[in-house]
Amino acid sequence: MVTRGCAHEMADGRRCGAPALKAGSLCFWHDPEKSADLADAQRLGGLRRRRERTVAVAYDVAGLDSIGAIRRVLVVAMLDTIGLDNSVARNRTLIAAGLAAAKLLETGELEDRIAALELATGAARAVQERDGSLLGG
């Protein structure tokens, strides 16, 4: 399936490159009939980003790029869930958080063991290389 590109020409002479709307030759961002929708989308996007930053600071959550950060998200979810009325959904959420936490602990322990093995084998290799160079030299 071939999609038509937006016919809008940028200031540097290049075409926009976004897919054109079905009913025209321009994309959502450049179609003048969509300007009110575009303004609403931009406003909502800004509100979402501000809310996201506020919540991240309030809950001390930086993202999901480390085991520690993921653990923090699980703690927040667990504490918020515990505060809910007792229900099947609450209990399922707690079980899911517990399973995710167990998997993270397992992953962290495996990472620690691999690092220890790499350190031990690297040290052993260094001793072998040193002893081998002494014997061979």
N, C-alpha and C. Protein backbone atom coordinates (compact mmCIF):
# COMPACT_ATOMS: atom_id res chain seq x y z
N MET A 1 0.83 -1.16 0.00
CA MET A 1 0.00 0.00 0.00
C MET A 1 0.89 1.24 0.00
N VAL A 2 0.69 2.12 -0.93
CA VAL A 2 1.48 3.34 -1.05
C VAL A 2 0.72 4.48 -0.39
N THR A 3 1.40 5.22 0.48
CA THR A 3 0.76 6.38 1.11
C THR A 3 1.26 7.64 0.43
N ARG A 4 0.34 8.57 0.23
CA ARG A 4 0.71 9.84 -0.38
C ARG A 4 1.32 10.74 0.68
N GLY A 5 2.34 11.49 0.29
CA GLY A 5 2.97 12.41 1.22
C GLY A 5 2.30 13.78 1.18
N CYS A 6 2.49 14.53 2.23
CA CYS A 6 1.95 15.88 2.34
C CYS A 6 2.59 16.77 1.27
N ALA A 7 1.78 17.61 0.64
CA ALA A 7 2.25 18.49 -0.43
C ALA A 7 2.85 19.78 0.10
N HIS A 8 2.81 20.00 1.39
CA HIS A 8 3.34 21.25 1.97
C HIS A 8 4.84 21.35 1.73
N GLU A 9 5.27 22.52 1.29
CA GLU A 9 6.70 22.75 1.07
C GLU A 9 7.26 23.54 2.24
N MET A 10 8.33 23.01 2.84
CA MET A 10 8.97 23.65 3.98
C MET A 10 9.77 24.87 3.52
N ALA A 11 10.26 25.66 4.47
CA ALA A 11 11.02 26.88 4.17
C ALA A 11 12.29 26.56 3.38
N ASP A 12 12.88 25.39 3.61
CA ASP A 12 14.12 25.04 2.91
C ASP A 12 13.87 24.34 1.58
N GLY A 13 12.60 24.26 1.16
CA GLY A 13 12.28 23.69 -0.14
C GLY A 13 11.91 22.21 -0.11
N ARG A 14 12.17 21.54 1.02
CA ARG A 14 11.81 20.12 1.12
C ARG A 14 10.32 19.98 1.37
N ARG A 15 9.77 18.83 0.94
CA ARG A 15 8.36 18.54 1.24
C ARG A 15 8.25 18.01 2.65
N CYS A 16 7.08 18.15 3.22
CA CYS A 16 6.82 17.79 4.62
C CYS A 16 7.18 16.33 4.91
N GLY A 17 6.69 15.40 4.15
CA GLY A 17 7.02 13.99 4.36
C GLY A 17 6.01 13.22 5.19
N ALA A 18 5.14 13.92 5.92
CA ALA A 18 4.11 13.23 6.68
C ALA A 18 3.04 12.71 5.72
N PRO A 19 2.32 11.66 6.09
CA PRO A 19 1.27 11.17 5.20
C PRO A 19 0.13 12.19 5.06
N ALA A 20 -0.36 12.34 3.86
CA ALA A 20 -1.48 13.25 3.61
C ALA A 20 -2.76 12.63 4.13
N LEU A 21 -3.71 13.49 4.50
CA LEU A 21 -5.02 13.03 4.93
C LEU A 21 -5.74 12.40 3.74
N LYS A 22 -6.64 11.48 4.00
CA LYS A 22 -7.36 10.78 2.92
C LYS A 22 -8.12 11.75 2.03
N ALA A 23 -8.66 12.80 2.63
CA ALA A 23 -9.52 13.72 1.88
C ALA A 23 -8.76 14.88 1.24
N GLY A 24 -7.44 14.88 1.26
CA GLY A 24 -6.72 16.02 0.69
C GLY A 24 -5.28 15.71 0.38
N SER A 25 -4.52 16.77 0.10
CA SER A 25 -3.12 16.60 -0.26
C SER A 25 -2.18 17.04 0.86
N LEU A 26 -2.74 17.49 1.99
CA LEU A 26 -1.94 17.95 3.11
C LEU A 26 -2.11 17.02 4.31
N CYS A 27 -1.13 17.07 5.21
CA CYS A 27 -1.19 16.25 6.42
C CYS A 27 -1.98 16.99 7.50
N PHE A 28 -2.17 16.33 8.62
CA PHE A 28 -2.92 16.90 9.74
C PHE A 28 -2.31 18.23 10.19
N TRP A 29 -0.98 18.33 10.20
CA TRP A 29 -0.30 19.52 10.71
C TRP A 29 -0.40 20.71 9.76
N HIS A 30 -0.57 20.46 8.48
CA HIS A 30 -0.56 21.56 7.50
C HIS A 30 -1.91 21.86 6.87
N ASP A 31 -2.91 21.05 7.12
CA ASP A 31 -4.24 21.30 6.56
C ASP A 31 -4.92 22.42 7.34
N PRO A 32 -5.21 23.55 6.69
CA PRO A 32 -5.81 24.68 7.42
C PRO A 32 -7.17 24.33 8.04
N GLU A 33 -7.88 23.37 7.48
CA GLU A 33 -9.17 22.97 8.05
C GLU A 33 -9.01 22.23 9.37
N LYS A 34 -7.81 21.77 9.65
CA LYS A 34 -7.55 21.02 10.88
C LYS A 34 -6.84 21.87 11.94
N SER A 35 -6.74 23.18 11.72
CA SER A 35 -5.97 24.04 12.63
C SER A 35 -6.54 24.02 14.06
N ALA A 36 -7.87 24.02 14.21
CA ALA A 36 -8.46 23.97 15.54
C ALA A 36 -8.15 22.64 16.22
N ASP A 37 -8.24 21.53 15.47
CA ASP A 37 -7.91 20.21 16.02
C ASP A 37 -6.43 20.14 16.40
N LEU A 38 -5.59 20.73 15.57
CA LEU A 38 -4.15 20.75 15.83
C LEU A 38 -3.86 21.53 17.11
N ALA A 39 -4.50 22.69 17.28
CA ALA A 39 -4.29 23.49 18.48
C ALA A 39 -4.72 22.72 19.72
N ASP A 40 -5.86 22.01 19.65
CA ASP A 40 -6.31 21.19 20.77
C ASP A 40 -5.32 20.08 21.08
N ALA A 41 -4.83 19.42 20.05
CA ALA A 41 -3.86 18.32 20.24
C ALA A 41 -2.58 18.85 20.89
N GLN A 42 -2.10 20.00 20.45
CA GLN A 42 -0.88 20.57 21.02
C GLN A 42 -1.11 20.97 22.48
N ARG A 43 -2.26 21.54 22.79
CA ARG A 43 -2.57 21.94 24.15
C ARG A 43 -2.63 20.71 25.05
N LEU A 44 -3.32 19.67 24.59
CA LEU A 44 -3.43 18.44 25.39
C LEU A 44 -2.06 17.77 25.57
N GLY A 45 -1.25 17.81 24.52
CA GLY A 45 0.10 17.24 24.63
C GLY A 45 0.92 17.97 25.67
N GLY A 46 0.82 19.30 25.69
CA GLY A 46 1.54 20.09 26.70
C GLY A 46 1.05 19.79 28.10
N LEU A 47 -0.26 19.66 28.28
CA LEU A 47 -0.81 19.31 29.59
C LEU A 47 -0.32 17.94 30.05
N ARG A 48 -0.31 16.99 29.12
CA ARG A 48 0.14 15.63 29.46
C ARG A 48 1.60 15.65 29.90
N ARG A 49 2.45 16.39 29.17
CA ARG A 49 3.88 16.44 29.53
C ARG A 49 4.08 17.10 30.90
N ARG A 50 3.34 18.18 31.18
CA ARG A 50 3.45 18.82 32.49
C ARG A 50 2.99 17.88 33.59
N ARG A 51 1.88 17.21 33.36
CA ARG A 51 1.35 16.27 34.36
C ARG A 51 2.35 15.12 34.56
N GLU A 52 2.94 14.65 33.49
CA GLU A 52 3.91 13.57 33.57
C GLU A 52 5.10 13.98 34.43
N ARG A 53 5.62 15.19 34.22
CA ARG A 53 6.76 15.68 35.02
C ARG A 53 6.36 15.82 36.49
N THR A 54 5.17 16.35 36.75
CA THR A 54 4.70 16.54 38.12
C THR A 54 4.58 15.20 38.84
N VAL A 55 3.98 14.22 38.18
CA VAL A 55 3.80 12.90 38.79
C VAL A 55 5.16 12.23 38.99
N ALA A 56 6.06 12.37 38.03
CA ALA A 56 7.39 11.76 38.16
C ALA A 56 8.13 12.31 39.37
N VAL A 57 8.02 13.61 39.60
CA VAL A 57 8.68 14.21 40.76
C VAL A 57 7.98 13.79 42.05
N ALA A 58 6.66 13.81 42.05
CA ALA A 58 5.90 13.47 43.25
C ALA A 58 6.16 12.03 43.69
N TYR A 59 6.27 11.12 42.75
CA TYR A 59 6.48 9.71 43.08
C TYR A 59 7.95 9.30 43.02
N ASP A 60 8.83 10.25 42.70
CA ASP A 60 10.27 9.97 42.61
C ASP A 60 10.54 8.82 41.63
N VAL A 61 9.96 8.96 40.44
CA VAL A 61 10.12 7.96 39.39
C VAL A 61 10.85 8.62 38.22
N ALA A 62 11.97 8.04 37.83
CA ALA A 62 12.78 8.63 36.77
C ALA A 62 12.59 7.94 35.43
N GLY A 63 11.98 6.78 35.40
CA GLY A 63 11.81 6.05 34.15
C GLY A 63 11.89 4.56 34.42
N LEU A 64 12.18 3.82 33.36
CA LEU A 64 12.27 2.36 33.47
C LEU A 64 13.59 1.85 32.91
N ASP A 65 14.66 2.64 33.06
CA ASP A 65 15.92 2.29 32.43
C ASP A 65 16.89 1.55 33.35
N SER A 66 16.46 1.21 34.54
CA SER A 66 17.31 0.43 35.44
C SER A 66 16.42 -0.43 36.34
N ILE A 67 17.02 -1.43 36.94
CA ILE A 67 16.27 -2.29 37.84
C ILE A 67 15.75 -1.48 39.02
N GLY A 68 16.57 -0.57 39.53
CA GLY A 68 16.15 0.27 40.65
C GLY A 68 14.95 1.14 40.30
N ALA A 69 14.96 1.70 39.10
CA ALA A 69 13.85 2.56 38.66
C ALA A 69 12.57 1.73 38.50
N ILE A 70 12.70 0.54 37.96
CA ILE A 70 11.53 -0.33 37.79
C ILE A 70 11.00 -0.76 39.15
N ARG A 71 11.91 -1.04 40.07
CA ARG A 71 11.48 -1.39 41.43
C ARG A 71 10.69 -0.24 42.05
N ARG A 72 11.14 0.99 41.81
CA ARG A 72 10.43 2.14 42.37
C ARG A 72 9.01 2.22 41.82
N VAL A 73 8.85 1.99 40.54
CA VAL A 73 7.51 2.00 39.93
C VAL A 73 6.64 0.91 40.55
N LEU A 74 7.21 -0.26 40.77
CA LEU A 74 6.45 -1.35 41.39
C LEU A 74 6.05 -1.01 42.82
N VAL A 75 6.94 -0.35 43.56
CA VAL A 75 6.61 0.04 44.93
C VAL A 75 5.46 1.04 44.93
N VAL A 76 5.52 2.03 44.04
CA VAL A 76 4.45 3.03 43.95
C VAL A 76 3.13 2.34 43.60
N ALA A 77 3.16 1.45 42.60
CA ALA A 77 1.94 0.75 42.19
C ALA A 77 1.41 -0.12 43.32
N MET A 78 2.30 -0.78 44.02
CA MET A 78 1.88 -1.65 45.11
C MET A 78 1.24 -0.83 46.24
N LEU A 79 1.88 0.26 46.63
CA LEU A 79 1.34 1.08 47.72
C LEU A 79 0.00 1.70 47.34
N ASP A 80 -0.11 2.19 46.11
CA ASP A 80 -1.40 2.75 45.66
C ASP A 80 -2.47 1.67 45.62
N THR A 81 -2.10 0.48 45.21
CA THR A 81 -3.07 -0.62 45.12
C THR A 81 -3.51 -1.09 46.49
N ILE A 82 -2.59 -1.14 47.44
CA ILE A 82 -2.94 -1.57 48.79
C ILE A 82 -3.97 -0.62 49.40
N GLY A 83 -3.92 0.65 49.01
CA GLY A 83 -4.87 1.62 49.53
C GLY A 83 -6.27 1.50 48.97
N LEU A 84 -6.46 0.68 47.95
CA LEU A 84 -7.78 0.50 47.36
C LEU A 84 -8.62 -0.45 48.19
N ASP A 85 -9.92 -0.42 47.96
CA ASP A 85 -10.81 -1.38 48.63
C ASP A 85 -10.44 -2.79 48.19
N ASN A 86 -10.66 -3.73 49.08
CA ASN A 86 -10.36 -5.12 48.78
C ASN A 86 -11.24 -5.59 47.62
N SER A 87 -10.58 -6.11 46.58
CA SER A 87 -11.31 -6.61 45.42
C SER A 87 -10.43 -7.60 44.68
N VAL A 88 -11.04 -8.30 43.76
CA VAL A 88 -10.29 -9.24 42.92
C VAL A 88 -9.26 -8.49 42.10
N ALA A 89 -9.65 -7.33 41.53
CA ALA A 89 -8.71 -6.55 40.71
C ALA A 89 -7.52 -6.09 41.54
N ARG A 90 -7.77 -5.65 42.76
CA ARG A 90 -6.68 -5.21 43.64
C ARG A 90 -5.74 -6.36 43.92
N ASN A 91 -6.30 -7.50 44.24
CA ASN A 91 -5.47 -8.66 44.56
C ASN A 91 -4.68 -9.14 43.34
N ARG A 92 -5.29 -9.09 42.18
CA ARG A 92 -4.57 -9.47 40.95
C ARG A 92 -3.42 -8.51 40.69
N THR A 93 -3.66 -7.22 40.92
CA THR A 93 -2.60 -6.23 40.71
C THR A 93 -1.46 -6.48 41.68
N LEU A 94 -1.77 -6.77 42.93
CA LEU A 94 -0.72 -7.05 43.91
C LEU A 94 0.06 -8.31 43.55
N ILE A 95 -0.63 -9.32 43.08
CA ILE A 95 0.05 -10.55 42.66
C ILE A 95 0.96 -10.25 41.47
N ALA A 96 0.47 -9.49 40.49
CA ALA A 96 1.29 -9.13 39.33
C ALA A 96 2.51 -8.33 39.76
N ALA A 97 2.33 -7.39 40.68
CA ALA A 97 3.47 -6.60 41.17
C ALA A 97 4.47 -7.50 41.89
N GLY A 98 3.96 -8.44 42.68
CA GLY A 98 4.84 -9.38 43.37
C GLY A 98 5.63 -10.25 42.41
N LEU A 99 4.96 -10.74 41.37
CA LEU A 99 5.66 -11.56 40.37
C LEU A 99 6.72 -10.75 39.63
N ALA A 100 6.37 -9.51 39.28
CA ALA A 100 7.34 -8.65 38.59
C ALA A 100 8.53 -8.37 39.50
N ALA A 101 8.28 -8.12 40.78
CA ALA A 101 9.36 -7.86 41.72
C ALA A 101 10.25 -9.09 41.87
N ALA A 102 9.64 -10.27 41.94
CA ALA A 102 10.43 -11.50 42.05
C ALA A 102 11.33 -11.68 40.83
N LYS A 103 10.80 -11.38 39.66
CA LYS A 103 11.59 -11.49 38.43
C LYS A 103 12.74 -10.49 38.44
N LEU A 104 12.48 -9.28 38.92
CA LEU A 104 13.55 -8.28 39.02
C LEU A 104 14.63 -8.73 39.99
N LEU A 105 14.23 -9.29 41.12
CA LEU A 105 15.22 -9.78 42.08
C LEU A 105 16.07 -10.88 41.46
N GLU A 106 15.41 -11.79 40.76
CA GLU A 106 16.13 -12.88 40.09
C GLU A 106 17.11 -12.32 39.07
N THR A 107 16.66 -11.35 38.29
CA THR A 107 17.51 -10.73 37.27
C THR A 107 18.70 -10.03 37.92
N GLY A 108 18.44 -9.31 39.00
CA GLY A 108 19.52 -8.61 39.70
C GLY A 108 20.54 -9.58 40.27
N GLU A 109 20.05 -10.69 40.86
CA GLU A 109 20.96 -11.69 41.40
C GLU A 109 21.80 -12.32 40.30
N LEU A 110 21.17 -12.60 39.15
CA LEU A 110 21.92 -13.18 38.03
C LEU A 110 22.97 -12.20 37.51
N GLU A 111 22.62 -10.92 37.43
CA GLU A 111 23.59 -9.92 37.00
C GLU A 111 24.79 -9.88 37.95
N ASP A 112 24.51 -9.93 39.25
CA ASP A 112 25.60 -9.92 40.24
C ASP A 112 26.49 -11.15 40.09
N ARG A 113 25.87 -12.32 39.88
CA ARG A 113 26.65 -13.55 39.72
C ARG A 113 27.49 -13.51 38.45
N ILE A 114 26.92 -13.00 37.36
CA ILE A 114 27.68 -12.90 36.11
C ILE A 114 28.85 -11.94 36.28
N ALA A 115 28.61 -10.81 36.94
CA ALA A 115 29.69 -9.85 37.17
C ALA A 115 30.80 -10.48 38.00
N ALA A 116 30.45 -11.28 39.03
CA ALA A 116 31.45 -11.95 39.85
C ALA A 116 32.23 -12.97 39.03
N LEU A 117 31.54 -13.72 38.19
CA LEU A 117 32.22 -14.69 37.32
C LEU A 117 33.15 -14.01 36.34
N GLU A 118 32.67 -12.91 35.74
CA GLU A 118 33.52 -12.18 34.79
C GLU A 118 34.75 -11.63 35.49
N LEU A 119 34.58 -11.14 36.70
CA LEU A 119 35.71 -10.62 37.47
C LEU A 119 36.69 -11.75 37.79
N ALA A 120 36.14 -12.89 38.23
CA ALA A 120 36.99 -14.03 38.59
C ALA A 120 37.72 -14.58 37.36
N THR A 121 37.04 -14.74 36.25
CA THR A 121 37.69 -15.28 35.06
C THR A 121 38.66 -14.28 34.46
N GLY A 122 38.34 -13.01 34.57
CA GLY A 122 39.27 -11.98 34.08
C GLY A 122 40.53 -11.97 34.91
N ALA A 123 40.40 -12.11 36.22
CA ALA A 123 41.56 -12.15 37.11
C ALA A 123 42.37 -13.41 36.85
N ALA A 124 41.69 -14.54 36.65
CA ALA A 124 42.38 -15.80 36.38
C ALA A 124 43.14 -15.71 35.06
N ARG A 125 42.50 -15.09 34.05
CA ARG A 125 43.14 -14.92 32.75
C ARG A 125 44.39 -14.04 32.87
N ALA A 126 44.29 -12.99 33.67
CA ALA A 126 45.43 -12.08 33.85
C ALA A 126 46.59 -12.82 34.51
N VAL A 127 46.29 -13.68 35.50
CA VAL A 127 47.34 -14.47 36.17
C VAL A 127 47.96 -15.44 35.17
N GLN A 128 47.14 -16.11 34.36
CA GLN A 128 47.65 -17.05 33.36
C GLN A 128 48.54 -16.35 32.36
N GLU A 129 48.07 -15.19 31.90
CA GLU A 129 48.89 -14.45 30.92
C GLU A 129 50.21 -14.01 31.53
N ARG A 130 50.16 -13.55 32.78
CA ARG A 130 51.39 -13.10 33.45
C ARG A 130 52.34 -14.29 33.66
N ASP A 131 51.81 -15.42 34.17
CA ASP A 131 52.64 -16.60 34.42
C ASP A 131 53.14 -17.20 33.10
N GLY A 132 52.28 -17.19 32.09
CA GLY A 132 52.69 -17.71 30.79
C GLY A 132 53.80 -16.89 30.17
N SER A 133 53.71 -15.58 30.32
CA SER A 133 54.75 -14.72 29.74
C SER A 133 56.06 -14.88 30.51
N LEU A 134 55.94 -15.18 31.83
CA LEU A 134 57.16 -15.41 32.60
C LEU A 134 57.81 -16.73 32.20
N LEU A 135 56.99 -17.76 31.99
CA LEU A 135 57.53 -19.06 31.62
C LEU A 135 58.06 -19.06 30.20
N GLY A 136 57.35 -18.36 29.33
CA GLY A 136 57.74 -18.37 27.93
C GLY A 136 58.88 -17.42 27.62
N GLY A 137 59.16 -16.42 28.50
CA GLY A 137 60.12 -15.37 28.21
C GLY A 137 61.44 -15.66 28.73
